[in-house]
Amino acid sequence: MVESTFEPKINTESVGQVIRAHLRVLKLTRKPSREEFLTIAKVAGVGILAVGAIGFIVYVLLTMLPQWVAK
């Protein structure tokens, strides 16, 4: 049996670096304008509808196609 030689090196210095990196990203963020928010919401809505439509088409094909082939 092969034992894993990977041992994570966790120390206060590496944790501090990760926290500083996250804080740097948070400082760069800002609240989106109303126009930006609406644009993002529209794109997300279209994406959800597209995935739903593809799923519905696949469902219809998998349920109806065997009936059509059997005739």
PDB file of N, CA and C in Angstrom:
ATOM      1  N   MET A   1       0.840  -1.173   0.000  1.00  0.00           N
ATOM      2  CA  MET A   1       0.000   0.000   0.000  1.00  0.00           C
ATOM      3  C   MET A   1       0.890   1.243   0.000  1.00  0.00           C
ATOM      4  N   VAL A   2       0.578   2.188  -0.868  1.00  0.00           N
ATOM      5  CA  VAL A   2       1.369   3.404  -0.990  1.00  0.00           C
ATOM      6  C   VAL A   2       0.768   4.481  -0.091  1.00  0.00           C
ATOM      7  N   GLU A   3       1.616   5.065   0.728  1.00  0.00           N
ATOM      8  CA  GLU A   3       1.146   6.126   1.612  1.00  0.00           C
ATOM      9  C   GLU A   3       1.359   7.474   0.955  1.00  0.00           C
ATOM     10  N   SER A   4       0.480   8.377   1.234  1.00  0.00           N
ATOM     11  CA  SER A   4       0.573   9.711   0.677  1.00  0.00           C
ATOM     12  C   SER A   4       1.694  10.474   1.362  1.00  0.00           C
ATOM     13  N   THR A   5       2.522  11.140   0.555  1.00  0.00           N
ATOM     14  CA  THR A   5       3.611  11.938   1.115  1.00  0.00           C
ATOM     15  C   THR A   5       3.240  13.411   1.172  1.00  0.00           C
ATOM     16  N   PHE A   6       2.027  13.746   0.747  1.00  0.00           N
ATOM     17  CA  PHE A   6       1.592  15.142   0.764  1.00  0.00           C
ATOM     18  C   PHE A   6       1.194  15.551   2.166  1.00  0.00           C
ATOM     19  N   GLU A   7       1.881  16.535   2.679  1.00  0.00           N
ATOM     20  CA  GLU A   7       1.526  17.097   3.979  1.00  0.00           C
ATOM     21  C   GLU A   7       1.383  18.600   3.805  1.00  0.00           C
ATOM     22  N   PRO A   8       0.187  19.120   4.004  1.00  0.00           N
ATOM     23  CA  PRO A   8       0.010  20.560   3.820  1.00  0.00           C
ATOM     24  C   PRO A   8       0.836  21.350   4.823  1.00  0.00           C
ATOM     25  N   LYS A   9       1.486  22.371   4.321  1.00  0.00           N
ATOM     26  CA  LYS A   9       2.301  23.233   5.188  1.00  0.00           C
ATOM     27  C   LYS A   9       1.465  24.450   5.561  1.00  0.00           C
ATOM     28  N   ILE A  10       0.819  24.377   6.697  1.00  0.00           N
ATOM     29  CA  ILE A  10      -0.023  25.478   7.165  1.00  0.00           C
ATOM     30  C   ILE A  10       0.701  26.155   8.321  1.00  0.00           C
ATOM     31  N   ASN A  11       0.963  27.440   8.125  1.00  0.00           N
ATOM     32  CA  ASN A  11       1.551  28.218   9.206  1.00  0.00           C
ATOM     33  C   ASN A  11       0.930  29.599   9.208  1.00  0.00           C
ATOM     34  N   THR A  12       1.282  30.399  10.195  1.00  0.00           N
ATOM     35  CA  THR A  12       0.655  31.713  10.319  1.00  0.00           C
ATOM     36  C   THR A  12       1.014  32.620   9.149  1.00  0.00           C
ATOM     37  N   GLU A  13       2.182  32.430   8.574  1.00  0.00           N
ATOM     38  CA  GLU A  13       2.599  33.264   7.448  1.00  0.00           C
ATOM     39  C   GLU A  13       1.733  32.989   6.213  1.00  0.00           C
ATOM     40  N   SER A  14       1.483  31.717   5.895  1.00  0.00           N
ATOM     41  CA  SER A  14       0.680  31.387   4.718  1.00  0.00           C
ATOM     42  C   SER A  14      -0.783  31.797   4.928  1.00  0.00           C
ATOM     43  N   VAL A  15      -1.289  31.639   6.139  1.00  0.00           N
ATOM     44  CA  VAL A  15      -2.663  32.059   6.429  1.00  0.00           C
ATOM     45  C   VAL A  15      -2.778  33.573   6.306  1.00  0.00           C
ATOM     46  N   GLY A  16      -1.774  34.283   6.780  1.00  0.00           N
ATOM     47  CA  GLY A  16      -1.772  35.741   6.673  1.00  0.00           C
ATOM     48  C   GLY A  16      -1.748  36.202   5.225  1.00  0.00           C
ATOM     49  N   GLN A  17      -0.994  35.511   4.377  1.00  0.00           N
ATOM     50  CA  GLN A  17      -0.936  35.865   2.962  1.00  0.00           C
ATOM     51  C   GLN A  17      -2.299  35.673   2.303  1.00  0.00           C
ATOM     52  N   VAL A  18      -2.967  34.588   2.634  1.00  0.00           N
ATOM     53  CA  VAL A  18      -4.286  34.321   2.057  1.00  0.00           C
ATOM     54  C   VAL A  18      -5.284  35.384   2.502  1.00  0.00           C
ATOM     55  N   ILE A  19      -5.264  35.732   3.756  1.00  0.00           N
ATOM     56  CA  ILE A  19      -6.187  36.752   4.270  1.00  0.00           C
ATOM     57  C   ILE A  19      -5.909  38.092   3.600  1.00  0.00           C
ATOM     58  N   ARG A  20      -4.623  38.471   3.452  1.00  0.00           N
ATOM     59  CA  ARG A  20      -4.283  39.728   2.791  1.00  0.00           C
ATOM     60  C   ARG A  20      -4.757  39.735   1.344  1.00  0.00           C
ATOM     61  N   ALA A  21      -4.624  38.610   0.651  1.00  0.00           N
ATOM     62  CA  ALA A  21      -5.074  38.534  -0.744  1.00  0.00           C
ATOM     63  C   ALA A  21      -6.587  38.717  -0.826  1.00  0.00           C
ATOM     64  N   HIS A  22      -7.313  38.101   0.086  1.00  0.00           N
ATOM     65  CA  HIS A  22      -8.769  38.244   0.089  1.00  0.00           C
ATOM     66  C   HIS A  22      -9.180  39.680   0.426  1.00  0.00           C
ATOM     67  N   LEU A  23      -8.518  40.291   1.371  1.00  0.00           N
ATOM     68  CA  LEU A  23      -8.835  41.674   1.727  1.00  0.00           C
ATOM     69  C   LEU A  23      -8.545  42.619   0.563  1.00  0.00           C
ATOM     70  N   ARG A  24      -7.471  42.359  -0.188  1.00  0.00           N
ATOM     71  CA  ARG A  24      -7.137  43.189  -1.340  1.00  0.00           C
ATOM     72  C   ARG A  24      -8.263  43.128  -2.378  1.00  0.00           C
ATOM     73  N   VAL A  25      -8.804  41.936  -2.616  1.00  0.00           N
ATOM     74  CA  VAL A  25      -9.911  41.786  -3.569  1.00  0.00           C
ATOM     75  C   VAL A  25     -11.150  42.510  -3.054  1.00  0.00           C
ATOM     76  N   LEU A  26     -11.451  42.373  -1.774  1.00  0.00           N
ATOM     77  CA  LEU A  26     -12.628  43.035  -1.207  1.00  0.00           C
ATOM     78  C   LEU A  26     -12.524  44.555  -1.293  1.00  0.00           C
ATOM     79  N   LYS A  27     -11.311  45.104  -1.162  1.00  0.00           N
ATOM     80  CA  LYS A  27     -11.133  46.552  -1.259  1.00  0.00           C
ATOM     81  C   LYS A  27     -11.389  47.046  -2.677  1.00  0.00           C
ATOM     82  N   LEU A  28     -11.162  46.197  -3.678  1.00  0.00           N
ATOM     83  CA  LEU A  28     -11.363  46.598  -5.070  1.00  0.00           C
ATOM     84  C   LEU A  28     -12.821  46.523  -5.512  1.00  0.00           C
ATOM     85  N   THR A  29     -13.639  45.810  -4.767  1.00  0.00           N
ATOM     86  CA  THR A  29     -15.031  45.638  -5.174  1.00  0.00           C
ATOM     87  C   THR A  29     -15.834  46.900  -4.891  1.00  0.00           C
ATOM     88  N   ARG A  30     -16.926  47.045  -5.641  1.00  0.00           N
ATOM     89  CA  ARG A  30     -17.819  48.175  -5.441  1.00  0.00           C
ATOM     90  C   ARG A  30     -19.233  47.727  -5.764  1.00  0.00           C
ATOM     91  N   LYS A  31     -20.181  48.508  -5.315  1.00  0.00           N
ATOM     92  CA  LYS A  31     -21.584  48.198  -5.576  1.00  0.00           C
ATOM     93  C   LYS A  31     -21.885  48.526  -7.038  1.00  0.00           C
ATOM     94  N   PRO A  32     -22.514  47.597  -7.770  1.00  0.00           N
ATOM     95  CA  PRO A  32     -22.814  47.879  -9.178  1.00  0.00           C
ATOM     96  C   PRO A  32     -23.913  48.934  -9.306  1.00  0.00           C
ATOM     97  N   SER A  33     -23.854  49.656 -10.410  1.00  0.00           N
ATOM     98  CA  SER A  33     -24.917  50.634 -10.667  1.00  0.00           C
ATOM     99  C   SER A  33     -26.187  49.870 -11.027  1.00  0.00           C
ATOM    100  N   ARG A  34     -27.295  50.583 -11.047  1.00  0.00           N
ATOM    101  CA  ARG A  34     -28.573  49.945 -11.381  1.00  0.00           C
ATOM    102  C   ARG A  34     -28.527  49.347 -12.783  1.00  0.00           C
ATOM    103  N   GLU A  35     -27.917  50.074 -13.717  1.00  0.00           N
ATOM    104  CA  GLU A  35     -27.828  49.595 -15.100  1.00  0.00           C
ATOM    105  C   GLU A  35     -26.989  48.319 -15.197  1.00  0.00           C
ATOM    106  N   GLU A  36     -25.854  48.284 -14.483  1.00  0.00           N
ATOM    107  CA  GLU A  36     -25.014  47.083 -14.473  1.00  0.00           C
ATOM    108  C   GLU A  36     -25.768  45.895 -13.876  1.00  0.00           C
ATOM    109  N   PHE A  37     -26.461  46.147 -12.778  1.00  0.00           N
ATOM    110  CA  PHE A  37     -27.205  45.068 -12.126  1.00  0.00           C
ATOM    111  C   PHE A  37     -28.284  44.504 -13.043  1.00  0.00           C
ATOM    112  N   LEU A  38     -29.028  45.394 -13.703  1.00  0.00           N
ATOM    113  CA  LEU A  38     -30.091  44.930 -14.601  1.00  0.00           C
ATOM    114  C   LEU A  38     -29.521  44.145 -15.782  1.00  0.00           C
ATOM    115  N   THR A  39     -28.385  44.580 -16.300  1.00  0.00           N
ATOM    116  CA  THR A  39     -27.751  43.860 -17.407  1.00  0.00           C
ATOM    117  C   THR A  39     -27.333  42.458 -16.966  1.00  0.00           C
ATOM    118  N   ILE A  40     -26.721  42.358 -15.805  1.00  0.00           N
ATOM    119  CA  ILE A  40     -26.296  41.056 -15.287  1.00  0.00           C
ATOM    120  C   ILE A  40     -27.504  40.169 -15.029  1.00  0.00           C
ATOM    121  N   ALA A  41     -28.580  40.742 -14.476  1.00  0.00           N
ATOM    122  CA  ALA A  41     -29.797  39.972 -14.200  1.00  0.00           C
ATOM    123  C   ALA A  41     -30.423  39.455 -15.491  1.00  0.00           C
ATOM    124  N   LYS A  42     -30.430  40.286 -16.533  1.00  0.00           N
ATOM    125  CA  LYS A  42     -30.990  39.858 -17.822  1.00  0.00           C
ATOM    126  C   LYS A  42     -30.176  38.717 -18.427  1.00  0.00           C
ATOM    127  N   VAL A  43     -28.854  38.851 -18.397  1.00  0.00           N
ATOM    128  CA  VAL A  43     -27.994  37.801 -18.956  1.00  0.00           C
ATOM    129  C   VAL A  43     -28.166  36.498 -18.184  1.00  0.00           C
ATOM    130  N   ALA A  44     -28.226  36.589 -16.853  1.00  0.00           N
ATOM    131  CA  ALA A  44     -28.431  35.390 -16.043  1.00  0.00           C
ATOM    132  C   ALA A  44     -29.787  34.763 -16.337  1.00  0.00           C
ATOM    133  N   GLY A  45     -30.834  35.587 -16.494  1.00  0.00           N
ATOM    134  CA  GLY A  45     -32.170  35.074 -16.808  1.00  0.00           C
ATOM    135  C   GLY A  45     -32.204  34.365 -18.152  1.00  0.00           C
ATOM    136  N   VAL A  46     -31.556  34.961 -19.155  1.00  0.00           N
ATOM    137  CA  VAL A  46     -31.502  34.324 -20.473  1.00  0.00           C
ATOM    138  C   VAL A  46     -30.752  32.994 -20.387  1.00  0.00           C
ATOM    139  N   GLY A  47     -29.691  32.961 -19.616  1.00  0.00           N
ATOM    140  CA  GLY A  47     -28.934  31.716 -19.446  1.00  0.00           C
ATOM    141  C   GLY A  47     -29.768  30.633 -18.784  1.00  0.00           C
ATOM    142  N   ILE A  48     -30.520  31.004 -17.756  1.00  0.00           N
ATOM    143  CA  ILE A  48     -31.384  30.040 -17.074  1.00  0.00           C
ATOM    144  C   ILE A  48     -32.453  29.514 -18.026  1.00  0.00           C
ATOM    145  N   LEU A  49     -33.043  30.415 -18.800  1.00  0.00           N
ATOM    146  CA  LEU A  49     -34.063  29.987 -19.766  1.00  0.00           C
ATOM    147  C   LEU A  49     -33.471  29.071 -20.840  1.00  0.00           C
ATOM    148  N   ALA A  50     -32.261  29.369 -21.293  1.00  0.00           N
ATOM    149  CA  ALA A  50     -31.620  28.547 -22.314  1.00  0.00           C
ATOM    150  C   ALA A  50     -31.337  27.138 -21.784  1.00  0.00           C
ATOM    151  N   VAL A  51     -30.821  27.054 -20.578  1.00  0.00           N
ATOM    152  CA  VAL A  51     -30.548  25.736 -19.987  1.00  0.00           C
ATOM    153  C   VAL A  51     -31.852  24.973 -19.781  1.00  0.00           C
ATOM    154  N   GLY A  52     -32.899  25.656 -19.344  1.00  0.00           N
ATOM    155  CA  GLY A  52     -34.198  25.010 -19.160  1.00  0.00           C
ATOM    156  C   GLY A  52     -34.771  24.517 -20.475  1.00  0.00           C
ATOM    157  N   ALA A  53     -34.638  25.329 -21.534  1.00  0.00           N
ATOM    158  CA  ALA A  53     -35.151  24.921 -22.843  1.00  0.00           C
ATOM    159  C   ALA A  53     -34.400  23.700 -23.367  1.00  0.00           C
ATOM    160  N   ILE A  54     -33.094  23.703 -23.211  1.00  0.00           N
ATOM    161  CA  ILE A  54     -32.306  22.542 -23.656  1.00  0.00           C
ATOM    162  C   ILE A  54     -32.709  21.306 -22.867  1.00  0.00           C
ATOM    163  N   GLY A  55     -32.888  21.451 -21.567  1.00  0.00           N
ATOM    164  CA  GLY A  55     -33.318  20.325 -20.745  1.00  0.00           C
ATOM    165  C   GLY A  55     -34.686  19.808 -21.149  1.00  0.00           C
ATOM    166  N   PHE A  56     -35.597  20.718 -21.463  1.00  0.00           N
ATOM    167  CA  PHE A  56     -36.937  20.311 -21.886  1.00  0.00           C
ATOM    168  C   PHE A  56     -36.884  19.570 -23.217  1.00  0.00           C
ATOM    169  N   ILE A  57     -36.089  20.075 -24.148  1.00  0.00           N
ATOM    170  CA  ILE A  57     -35.947  19.408 -25.452  1.00  0.00           C
ATOM    171  C   ILE A  57     -35.373  18.010 -25.277  1.00  0.00           C
ATOM    172  N   VAL A  58     -34.362  17.867 -24.443  1.00  0.00           N
ATOM    173  CA  VAL A  58     -33.780  16.539 -24.192  1.00  0.00           C
ATOM    174  C   VAL A  58     -34.826  15.631 -23.558  1.00  0.00           C
ATOM    175  N   TYR A  59     -35.592  16.148 -22.600  1.00  0.00           N
ATOM    176  CA  TYR A  59     -36.641  15.353 -21.957  1.00  0.00           C
ATOM    177  C   TYR A  59     -37.675  14.877 -22.974  1.00  0.00           C
ATOM    178  N   VAL A  60     -38.132  15.782 -23.820  1.00  0.00           N
ATOM    179  CA  VAL A  60     -39.134  15.422 -24.824  1.00  0.00           C
ATOM    180  C   VAL A  60     -38.569  14.377 -25.776  1.00  0.00           C
ATOM    181  N   LEU A  61     -37.325  14.567 -26.208  1.00  0.00           N
ATOM    182  CA  LEU A  61     -36.715  13.597 -27.117  1.00  0.00           C
ATOM    183  C   LEU A  61     -36.591  12.221 -26.471  1.00  0.00           C
ATOM    184  N   LEU A  62     -36.210  12.179 -25.211  1.00  0.00           N
ATOM    185  CA  LEU A  62     -36.019  10.890 -24.551  1.00  0.00           C
ATOM    186  C   LEU A  62     -37.333  10.207 -24.185  1.00  0.00           C
ATOM    187  N   THR A  63     -38.421  10.957 -24.058  1.00  0.00           N
ATOM    188  CA  THR A  63     -39.696  10.333 -23.734  1.00  0.00           C
ATOM    189  C   THR A  63     -40.532  10.041 -24.978  1.00  0.00           C
ATOM    190  N   MET A  64     -40.454  10.887 -25.980  1.00  0.00           N
ATOM    191  CA  MET A  64     -41.286  10.717 -27.179  1.00  0.00           C
ATOM    192  C   MET A  64     -40.591   9.910 -28.266  1.00  0.00           C
ATOM    193  N   LEU A  65     -39.286  10.026 -28.363  1.00  0.00           N
ATOM    194  CA  LEU A  65     -38.555   9.336 -29.441  1.00  0.00           C
ATOM    195  C   LEU A  65     -38.741   7.819 -29.393  1.00  0.00           C
ATOM    196  N   PRO A  66     -38.657   7.185 -28.233  1.00  0.00           N
ATOM    197  CA  PRO A  66     -38.889   5.729 -28.224  1.00  0.00           C
ATOM    198  C   PRO A  66     -40.298   5.332 -28.697  1.00  0.00           C
ATOM    199  N   GLN A  67     -41.286   6.186 -28.398  1.00  0.00           N
ATOM    200  CA  GLN A  67     -42.649   5.894 -28.863  1.00  0.00           C
ATOM    201  C   GLN A  67     -42.742   6.029 -30.369  1.00  0.00           C
ATOM    202  N   TRP A  68     -42.080   7.023 -30.950  1.00  0.00           N
ATOM    203  CA  TRP A  68     -42.118   7.230 -32.386  1.00  0.00           C
ATOM    204  C   TRP A  68     -41.358   6.127 -33.115  1.00  0.00           C
ATOM    205  N   VAL A  69     -40.253   5.649 -32.535  1.00  0.00           N
ATOM    206  CA  VAL A  69     -39.456   4.600 -33.171  1.00  0.00           C
ATOM    207  C   VAL A  69     -40.193   3.260 -33.110  1.00  0.00           C
ATOM    208  N   ALA A  70     -40.936   3.027 -32.027  1.00  0.00           N
ATOM    209  CA  ALA A  70     -41.632   1.752 -31.854  1.00  0.00           C
ATOM    210  C   ALA A  70     -42.788   1.586 -32.833  1.00  0.00           C
ATOM    211  N   LYS A  71     -43.311   2.682 -33.393  1.00  0.00           N
ATOM    212  CA  LYS A  71     -44.464   2.588 -34.309  1.00  0.00           C
ATOM    213  C   LYS A  71     -44.080   2.061 -35.645  1.00  0.00           C
TER     214      LYS A  71
END
